[in-house]
Amino acid sequence: MVEFCDRVIAYTAGFDAPALLADRMRYDATLRNLELIGEAASRVPPDLRERAPEMPWRLVIGTRNRLAHGYLGIEPETVWLIATDGVPRLRDQLMALLAAST
C-alpha cells in the first residue's frame, strides 16, 4: 500500500488538478494506483485491520470499488482530493502502523 501511495504522490507532484487531468496517461496511472491501494487494503487480514481501527479501511476499499466499478462517474476533482490530501495522510498512517509493528 505504501508503494502505491508513493506512486500517487509522485504522479501528482508539481501538478494542479487541471494539469493532471490534461495529462491523460498520468491521470490514468494515478487512478490505477488508487485502485491498487484499495485492492491491497482488501487483502489485509481482518485481525490486522482490527488491531488498527484508526485506519480508514472501509473508506479505502470503498474508494477502490467506486473507482473500479464506477470509473466514468468519478469527478476529477474528487480524484484530485483523494490523491493530494487523502493519500499522503493514508501513507503517514501506514508508516506509523508499520513502525509500531516492528
Protein backbone atom coordinates (compact mmCIF):
# COMPACT_ATOMS: atom_id res chain seq x y z
CA MET A 1 0.00 0.00 0.00
CA VAL A 2 2.85 2.36 0.81
CA GLU A 3 4.41 1.80 -2.60
CA PHE A 4 1.14 2.62 -4.35
CA CYS A 5 0.74 5.73 -2.17
CA ASP A 6 4.25 6.78 -3.14
CA ARG A 7 3.39 6.40 -6.80
CA VAL A 8 0.24 8.52 -6.49
CA ILE A 9 2.20 11.20 -4.65
CA ALA A 10 4.94 11.15 -7.30
CA TYR A 11 2.48 11.21 -10.20
CA THR A 12 0.66 14.26 -8.85
CA ALA A 13 3.70 16.21 -7.63
CA GLY A 14 4.07 19.55 -9.38
CA PHE A 15 0.62 19.35 -10.94
CA ASP A 16 -2.65 21.06 -10.20
CA ALA A 17 -5.99 19.39 -10.91
CA PRO A 18 -6.45 20.73 -14.46
CA ALA A 19 -2.87 19.85 -15.44
CA LEU A 20 -3.25 16.33 -14.07
CA LEU A 21 -6.49 15.83 -15.96
CA ALA A 22 -4.90 17.13 -19.16
CA ASP A 23 -2.12 14.54 -18.86
CA ARG A 24 -4.30 11.50 -19.55
CA MET A 25 -1.56 8.94 -19.03
CA ARG A 26 -0.58 10.42 -15.67
CA TYR A 27 -4.23 10.72 -14.64
CA ASP A 28 -4.90 7.10 -15.61
CA ALA A 29 -1.79 5.94 -13.73
CA THR A 30 -3.00 7.85 -10.68
CA LEU A 31 -6.42 6.21 -10.89
CA ARG A 32 -4.86 2.78 -11.28
CA ASN A 33 -2.69 3.21 -8.21
CA LEU A 34 -5.64 4.47 -6.19
CA GLU A 35 -7.40 1.24 -7.14
CA LEU A 36 -4.33 -0.77 -6.15
CA ILE A 37 -4.25 0.89 -2.73
CA GLY A 38 -7.82 -0.26 -2.15
CA GLU A 39 -7.16 -3.72 -3.54
CA ALA A 40 -4.18 -4.12 -1.22
CA ALA A 41 -6.27 -2.89 1.72
CA SER A 42 -8.91 -5.52 0.97
CA ARG A 43 -6.23 -8.18 1.32
CA VAL A 44 -5.08 -7.07 4.78
CA PRO A 45 -6.11 -9.85 7.15
CA PRO A 46 -9.12 -8.99 9.34
CA ASP A 47 -7.12 -9.48 12.55
CA LEU A 48 -4.61 -6.84 11.45
CA ARG A 49 -7.41 -4.47 10.47
CA GLU A 50 -8.94 -4.95 13.92
CA ARG A 51 -5.61 -4.07 15.54
CA ALA A 52 -5.53 -0.81 13.57
CA PRO A 53 -9.06 0.61 13.90
CA GLU A 54 -7.78 4.15 13.28
CA MET A 55 -7.06 3.21 9.67
CA PRO A 56 -9.85 4.05 7.24
CA TRP A 57 -10.00 0.51 5.85
CA ARG A 58 -13.63 0.65 4.69
CA LEU A 59 -13.17 4.05 3.08
CA VAL A 60 -10.04 2.95 1.19
CA ILE A 61 -11.68 -0.27 0.00
CA GLY A 62 -14.88 1.57 -0.87
CA THR A 63 -12.93 4.12 -2.89
CA ARG A 64 -11.31 1.31 -4.84
CA ASN A 65 -14.69 -0.23 -5.56
CA ARG A 66 -16.11 3.06 -6.69
CA LEU A 67 -13.14 3.73 -8.96
CA ALA A 68 -13.14 0.23 -10.40
CA HIS A 69 -16.88 -0.10 -10.96
CA GLY A 70 -17.99 3.48 -11.46
CA TYR A 71 -14.99 4.83 -13.32
CA LEU A 72 -16.90 7.24 -15.54
CA GLY A 73 -18.92 8.59 -12.62
CA ILE A 74 -15.94 9.80 -10.61
CA GLU A 75 -15.41 13.54 -10.70
CA PRO A 76 -11.82 14.56 -11.46
CA GLU A 77 -11.93 16.98 -8.51
CA THR A 78 -12.71 14.03 -6.22
CA VAL A 79 -9.78 12.09 -7.62
CA TRP A 80 -7.57 15.15 -7.09
CA LEU A 81 -8.61 15.50 -3.44
CA ILE A 82 -8.10 11.82 -2.75
CA ALA A 83 -4.69 11.84 -4.45
CA THR A 84 -3.35 15.02 -2.90
CA ASP A 85 -4.99 15.01 0.53
CA GLY A 86 -6.17 11.51 1.37
CA VAL A 87 -3.23 9.52 0.05
CA PRO A 88 -0.49 11.45 1.88
CA ARG A 89 -2.45 11.14 5.14
CA LEU A 90 -3.01 7.43 4.50
CA ARG A 91 0.69 6.96 3.80
CA ASP A 92 1.55 8.61 7.12
CA GLN A 93 -0.87 6.30 8.91
CA LEU A 94 0.56 3.26 7.18
CA MET A 95 4.11 4.26 8.07
CA ALA A 96 3.07 4.69 11.72
CA LEU A 97 1.38 1.29 11.66
CA LEU A 98 4.49 -0.33 10.19
CA ALA A 99 6.75 1.37 12.74
CA ALA A 100 4.53 0.21 15.59
CA SER A 101 4.53 -3.38 14.37
CA THR A 102 8.32 -3.73 14.20
